[in-house]
Amino acid sequence: MGQDRNSAVCGDQRNATHRLRIGTDPESVEKGLVTLVLTLVELLRQLMERQALRRVEQDSLTDDQIEKIGSTLMALDTRMAELRDHFGLTVEDLNLDLGPLGPLLPQEPRS
């Protein structure tokens, strides 16, 4: 019985070690890194957009500043779409699941 238990423990340890291994395939590592970087950029873009909307609602920006912020955010959104297309990613791919906390990025209506 002791030997059966030891082999079961060794098998469990091997399974746990296998689950903890990080994939070293260069292609999957690159895609994972790109996904992480684009997720962070998208999070910052959404935060900047919300901040800009708050400032517009508070009338704390001039018309020129509003125009510049709008143009900048539109250009960033366009560039993000180009990068997602280039790397074969979707908006949903960038929305990391944080388990019980829910998704990282709030759902935004897309035009």
N, C-alpha and C. Protein backbone atom coordinates (compact mmCIF):
# COMPACT_ATOMS: atom_id res chain seq x y z
N MET A 1 0.83 -1.19 0.00
CA MET A 1 0.00 0.00 0.00
C MET A 1 0.87 1.25 0.00
N GLY A 2 2.00 1.23 0.72
CA GLY A 2 2.89 2.39 0.78
C GLY A 2 3.46 2.73 -0.57
N GLN A 3 3.80 1.70 -1.35
CA GLN A 3 4.38 1.93 -2.67
C GLN A 3 3.33 2.54 -3.61
N ASP A 4 2.09 2.09 -3.54
CA ASP A 4 1.02 2.64 -4.38
C ASP A 4 0.81 4.12 -4.07
N ARG A 5 0.87 4.43 -2.78
CA ARG A 5 0.67 5.84 -2.37
C ARG A 5 1.82 6.71 -2.87
N ASN A 6 3.06 6.21 -2.76
CA ASN A 6 4.22 6.96 -3.25
C ASN A 6 4.14 7.20 -4.75
N SER A 7 3.74 6.18 -5.50
CA SER A 7 3.65 6.36 -6.95
C SER A 7 2.52 7.32 -7.31
N ALA A 8 1.44 7.31 -6.53
CA ALA A 8 0.34 8.26 -6.76
C ALA A 8 0.81 9.69 -6.48
N VAL A 9 1.58 9.89 -5.41
CA VAL A 9 2.10 11.20 -5.06
C VAL A 9 3.06 11.69 -6.15
N CYS A 10 3.94 10.81 -6.61
CA CYS A 10 4.88 11.17 -7.68
C CYS A 10 4.12 11.55 -8.95
N GLY A 11 3.07 10.80 -9.26
CA GLY A 11 2.26 11.12 -10.44
C GLY A 11 1.59 12.47 -10.31
N ASP A 12 1.07 12.77 -9.11
CA ASP A 12 0.45 14.07 -8.86
C ASP A 12 1.46 15.20 -9.00
N GLN A 13 2.67 14.98 -8.51
CA GLN A 13 3.72 16.00 -8.60
C GLN A 13 4.11 16.24 -10.05
N ARG A 14 4.21 15.16 -10.83
CA ARG A 14 4.53 15.32 -12.25
C ARG A 14 3.43 16.11 -12.96
N ASN A 15 2.18 15.81 -12.66
CA ASN A 15 1.06 16.53 -13.28
C ASN A 15 1.08 18.01 -12.89
N ALA A 16 1.35 18.29 -11.63
CA ALA A 16 1.40 19.68 -11.18
C ALA A 16 2.55 20.43 -11.85
N THR A 17 3.69 19.78 -11.97
CA THR A 17 4.84 20.40 -12.63
C THR A 17 4.52 20.68 -14.09
N HIS A 18 3.86 19.74 -14.75
CA HIS A 18 3.51 19.92 -16.16
C HIS A 18 2.54 21.10 -16.33
N ARG A 19 1.59 21.25 -15.43
CA ARG A 19 0.63 22.36 -15.51
C ARG A 19 1.30 23.70 -15.29
N LEU A 20 2.37 23.75 -14.49
CA LEU A 20 3.04 25.00 -14.17
C LEU A 20 4.04 25.44 -15.23
N ARG A 21 4.37 24.59 -16.17
CA ARG A 21 5.34 24.94 -17.19
C ARG A 21 4.79 26.03 -18.11
N ILE A 22 5.67 26.91 -18.49
CA ILE A 22 5.32 27.98 -19.40
C ILE A 22 5.68 27.53 -20.81
N GLY A 23 4.76 27.74 -21.73
CA GLY A 23 5.04 27.38 -23.12
C GLY A 23 6.22 28.19 -23.65
N THR A 24 7.16 27.52 -24.26
CA THR A 24 8.35 28.21 -24.76
C THR A 24 8.37 28.29 -26.27
N ASP A 25 7.26 27.97 -26.89
CA ASP A 25 7.16 28.11 -28.33
C ASP A 25 7.28 29.60 -28.66
N PRO A 26 8.29 30.00 -29.45
CA PRO A 26 8.51 31.43 -29.72
C PRO A 26 7.29 32.14 -30.25
N GLU A 27 6.50 31.47 -31.06
CA GLU A 27 5.31 32.11 -31.63
C GLU A 27 4.27 32.40 -30.55
N SER A 28 4.05 31.44 -29.64
CA SER A 28 3.06 31.66 -28.59
C SER A 28 3.56 32.68 -27.57
N VAL A 29 4.85 32.70 -27.32
CA VAL A 29 5.42 33.70 -26.41
C VAL A 29 5.24 35.09 -27.00
N GLU A 30 5.53 35.23 -28.29
CA GLU A 30 5.38 36.53 -28.96
C GLU A 30 3.93 36.99 -28.93
N LYS A 31 3.00 36.10 -29.25
CA LYS A 31 1.59 36.47 -29.26
C LYS A 31 1.12 36.83 -27.86
N GLY A 32 1.58 36.10 -26.85
CA GLY A 32 1.22 36.41 -25.48
C GLY A 32 1.74 37.77 -25.05
N LEU A 33 2.97 38.09 -25.43
CA LEU A 33 3.55 39.39 -25.10
C LEU A 33 2.82 40.52 -25.82
N VAL A 34 2.53 40.32 -27.09
CA VAL A 34 1.79 41.33 -27.85
C VAL A 34 0.41 41.54 -27.25
N THR A 35 -0.25 40.46 -26.88
CA THR A 35 -1.58 40.57 -26.27
C THR A 35 -1.50 41.36 -24.97
N LEU A 36 -0.51 41.09 -24.15
CA LEU A 36 -0.35 41.81 -22.88
C LEU A 36 -0.11 43.29 -23.12
N VAL A 37 0.81 43.61 -24.02
CA VAL A 37 1.14 45.03 -24.30
C VAL A 37 -0.07 45.76 -24.86
N LEU A 38 -0.76 45.15 -25.83
CA LEU A 38 -1.93 45.81 -26.41
C LEU A 38 -3.06 45.94 -25.39
N THR A 39 -3.18 44.98 -24.48
CA THR A 39 -4.18 45.08 -23.42
C THR A 39 -3.90 46.28 -22.53
N LEU A 40 -2.64 46.48 -22.16
CA LEU A 40 -2.28 47.63 -21.33
C LEU A 40 -2.52 48.95 -22.06
N VAL A 41 -2.17 48.99 -23.34
CA VAL A 41 -2.40 50.21 -24.13
C VAL A 41 -3.90 50.49 -24.23
N GLU A 42 -4.71 49.45 -24.45
CA GLU A 42 -6.16 49.63 -24.54
C GLU A 42 -6.73 50.10 -23.21
N LEU A 43 -6.25 49.57 -22.11
CA LEU A 43 -6.70 50.01 -20.79
C LEU A 43 -6.38 51.50 -20.59
N LEU A 44 -5.17 51.89 -20.93
CA LEU A 44 -4.79 53.31 -20.80
C LEU A 44 -5.60 54.20 -21.74
N ARG A 45 -5.87 53.71 -22.95
CA ARG A 45 -6.68 54.48 -23.90
C ARG A 45 -8.07 54.74 -23.34
N GLN A 46 -8.67 53.70 -22.77
CA GLN A 46 -10.01 53.85 -22.20
C GLN A 46 -10.00 54.80 -21.00
N LEU A 47 -8.97 54.72 -20.17
CA LEU A 47 -8.87 55.62 -19.03
C LEU A 47 -8.71 57.08 -19.49
N MET A 48 -7.87 57.29 -20.51
CA MET A 48 -7.67 58.65 -21.03
C MET A 48 -8.96 59.18 -21.64
N GLU A 49 -9.70 58.33 -22.32
CA GLU A 49 -10.95 58.73 -22.93
C GLU A 49 -11.97 59.16 -21.86
N ARG A 50 -12.06 58.37 -20.80
CA ARG A 50 -12.99 58.72 -19.71
C ARG A 50 -12.59 60.04 -19.03
N GLN A 51 -11.29 60.20 -18.82
CA GLN A 51 -10.81 61.44 -18.21
C GLN A 51 -11.12 62.63 -19.11
N ALA A 52 -10.93 62.48 -20.41
CA ALA A 52 -11.21 63.55 -21.35
C ALA A 52 -12.70 63.89 -21.32
N LEU A 53 -13.56 62.87 -21.28
CA LEU A 53 -15.00 63.13 -21.22
C LEU A 53 -15.38 63.86 -19.94
N ARG A 54 -14.77 63.49 -18.82
CA ARG A 54 -15.05 64.20 -17.56
C ARG A 54 -14.65 65.66 -17.66
N ARG A 55 -13.49 65.91 -18.25
CA ARG A 55 -13.01 67.29 -18.38
C ARG A 55 -13.89 68.10 -19.33
N VAL A 56 -14.38 67.46 -20.38
CA VAL A 56 -15.30 68.15 -21.30
C VAL A 56 -16.60 68.49 -20.57
N GLU A 57 -17.13 67.54 -19.80
CA GLU A 57 -18.37 67.77 -19.06
C GLU A 57 -18.20 68.86 -18.00
N GLN A 58 -17.00 69.02 -17.46
CA GLN A 58 -16.74 70.05 -16.45
C GLN A 58 -16.37 71.39 -17.08
N ASP A 59 -16.37 71.46 -18.41
CA ASP A 59 -16.00 72.68 -19.13
C ASP A 59 -14.61 73.18 -18.74
N SER A 60 -13.67 72.26 -18.54
CA SER A 60 -12.32 72.66 -18.16
C SER A 60 -11.34 72.62 -19.33
N LEU A 61 -11.86 72.43 -20.55
CA LEU A 61 -11.02 72.40 -21.74
C LEU A 61 -11.49 73.44 -22.74
N THR A 62 -10.54 73.98 -23.48
CA THR A 62 -10.89 74.90 -24.56
C THR A 62 -11.34 74.08 -25.76
N ASP A 63 -11.95 74.75 -26.72
CA ASP A 63 -12.38 74.07 -27.94
C ASP A 63 -11.20 73.44 -28.67
N ASP A 64 -10.06 74.14 -28.70
CA ASP A 64 -8.86 73.59 -29.35
C ASP A 64 -8.37 72.32 -28.64
N GLN A 65 -8.38 72.34 -27.30
CA GLN A 65 -7.94 71.18 -26.54
C GLN A 65 -8.88 69.98 -26.79
N ILE A 66 -10.17 70.27 -26.85
CA ILE A 66 -11.15 69.20 -27.11
C ILE A 66 -10.89 68.59 -28.49
N GLU A 67 -10.64 69.44 -29.46
CA GLU A 67 -10.36 68.97 -30.83
C GLU A 67 -9.09 68.11 -30.86
N LYS A 68 -8.03 68.57 -30.19
CA LYS A 68 -6.77 67.82 -30.18
C LYS A 68 -6.93 66.46 -29.48
N ILE A 69 -7.61 66.46 -28.35
CA ILE A 69 -7.82 65.21 -27.61
C ILE A 69 -8.65 64.24 -28.45
N GLY A 70 -9.70 64.76 -29.07
CA GLY A 70 -10.54 63.91 -29.92
C GLY A 70 -9.76 63.30 -31.07
N SER A 71 -8.96 64.12 -31.75
CA SER A 71 -8.15 63.63 -32.87
C SER A 71 -7.14 62.60 -32.40
N THR A 72 -6.51 62.85 -31.27
CA THR A 72 -5.50 61.93 -30.73
C THR A 72 -6.13 60.59 -30.36
N LEU A 73 -7.27 60.62 -29.69
CA LEU A 73 -7.93 59.38 -29.28
C LEU A 73 -8.43 58.59 -30.50
N MET A 74 -8.92 59.29 -31.52
CA MET A 74 -9.36 58.60 -32.74
C MET A 74 -8.17 57.96 -33.45
N ALA A 75 -7.04 58.67 -33.51
CA ALA A 75 -5.85 58.12 -34.16
C ALA A 75 -5.34 56.90 -33.39
N LEU A 76 -5.37 56.97 -32.07
CA LEU A 76 -4.93 55.83 -31.25
C LEU A 76 -5.85 54.64 -31.45
N ASP A 77 -7.15 54.89 -31.51
CA ASP A 77 -8.11 53.81 -31.73
C ASP A 77 -7.86 53.15 -33.09
N THR A 78 -7.61 53.95 -34.11
CA THR A 78 -7.32 53.43 -35.45
C THR A 78 -6.05 52.59 -35.45
N ARG A 79 -5.01 53.10 -34.80
CA ARG A 79 -3.73 52.37 -34.74
C ARG A 79 -3.89 51.06 -33.97
N MET A 80 -4.66 51.09 -32.90
CA MET A 80 -4.89 49.86 -32.13
C MET A 80 -5.60 48.82 -33.00
N ALA A 81 -6.57 49.24 -33.80
CA ALA A 81 -7.27 48.32 -34.69
C ALA A 81 -6.30 47.72 -35.70
N GLU A 82 -5.40 48.56 -36.23
CA GLU A 82 -4.40 48.07 -37.18
C GLU A 82 -3.48 47.03 -36.53
N LEU A 83 -3.04 47.30 -35.31
CA LEU A 83 -2.16 46.37 -34.61
C LEU A 83 -2.88 45.06 -34.29
N ARG A 84 -4.13 45.16 -33.86
CA ARG A 84 -4.90 43.94 -33.59
C ARG A 84 -5.02 43.10 -34.86
N ASP A 85 -5.33 43.76 -35.97
CA ASP A 85 -5.44 43.03 -37.24
C ASP A 85 -4.11 42.39 -37.63
N HIS A 86 -3.03 43.14 -37.47
CA HIS A 86 -1.71 42.65 -37.84
C HIS A 86 -1.34 41.38 -37.07
N PHE A 87 -1.69 41.35 -35.79
CA PHE A 87 -1.33 40.20 -34.95
C PHE A 87 -2.46 39.19 -34.81
N GLY A 88 -3.55 39.39 -35.56
CA GLY A 88 -4.65 38.43 -35.54
C GLY A 88 -5.40 38.39 -34.23
N LEU A 89 -5.57 39.53 -33.59
CA LEU A 89 -6.26 39.61 -32.30
C LEU A 89 -7.59 40.34 -32.47
N THR A 90 -8.50 40.07 -31.56
CA THR A 90 -9.77 40.79 -31.52
C THR A 90 -9.81 41.62 -30.24
N VAL A 91 -10.81 42.49 -30.14
CA VAL A 91 -10.99 43.28 -28.92
C VAL A 91 -11.19 42.35 -27.73
N GLU A 92 -11.92 41.26 -27.95
CA GLU A 92 -12.19 40.30 -26.87
C GLU A 92 -10.91 39.62 -26.39
N ASP A 93 -9.94 39.44 -27.28
CA ASP A 93 -8.67 38.83 -26.89
C ASP A 93 -7.92 39.70 -25.88
N LEU A 94 -8.16 41.01 -25.94
CA LEU A 94 -7.44 41.93 -25.05
C LEU A 94 -8.12 42.08 -23.69
N ASN A 95 -9.30 41.55 -23.55
CA ASN A 95 -10.04 41.69 -22.30
C ASN A 95 -9.77 40.50 -21.40
N LEU A 96 -8.71 40.62 -20.61
CA LEU A 96 -8.29 39.52 -19.74
C LEU A 96 -9.34 39.21 -18.69
N ASP A 97 -9.56 37.93 -18.44
CA ASP A 97 -10.49 37.48 -17.41
C ASP A 97 -9.76 37.45 -16.08
N LEU A 98 -10.24 38.24 -15.13
CA LEU A 98 -9.60 38.31 -13.81
C LEU A 98 -10.32 37.44 -12.79
N GLY A 99 -10.97 36.40 -13.27
CA GLY A 99 -11.65 35.47 -12.38
C GLY A 99 -12.81 36.12 -11.66
N PRO A 100 -12.83 36.05 -10.33
CA PRO A 100 -13.97 36.59 -9.58
C PRO A 100 -14.12 38.11 -9.72
N LEU A 101 -13.07 38.79 -10.14
CA LEU A 101 -13.16 40.24 -10.33
C LEU A 101 -13.84 40.61 -11.63
N GLY A 102 -13.95 39.67 -12.54
CA GLY A 102 -14.57 39.92 -13.83
C GLY A 102 -13.53 40.31 -14.87
N PRO A 103 -14.00 40.83 -16.00
CA PRO A 103 -13.07 41.20 -17.07
C PRO A 103 -12.28 42.46 -16.72
N LEU A 104 -11.07 42.56 -17.25
CA LEU A 104 -10.22 43.72 -17.00
C LEU A 104 -10.81 44.99 -17.60
N LEU A 105 -11.24 44.89 -18.86
CA LEU A 105 -11.74 46.06 -19.57
C LEU A 105 -13.26 46.09 -19.53
N PRO A 106 -13.83 47.24 -19.21
CA PRO A 106 -15.30 47.34 -19.27
C PRO A 106 -15.75 47.22 -20.73
N GLN A 107 -16.92 46.71 -20.92
CA GLN A 107 -17.44 46.57 -22.28
C GLN A 107 -17.82 47.95 -22.80
N GLU A 108 -17.25 48.30 -23.93
CA GLU A 108 -17.55 49.58 -24.58
C GLU A 108 -18.30 49.31 -25.87
N PRO A 109 -19.31 50.09 -26.11
CA PRO A 109 -19.96 49.94 -27.43
C PRO A 109 -19.00 50.40 -28.53
N ARG A 110 -18.88 49.60 -29.57
CA ARG A 110 -17.99 49.93 -30.69
C ARG A 110 -18.82 50.36 -31.87
N SER A 111 -18.36 51.40 -32.54
CA SER A 111 -19.09 51.86 -33.72
C SER A 111 -18.61 51.16 -34.96
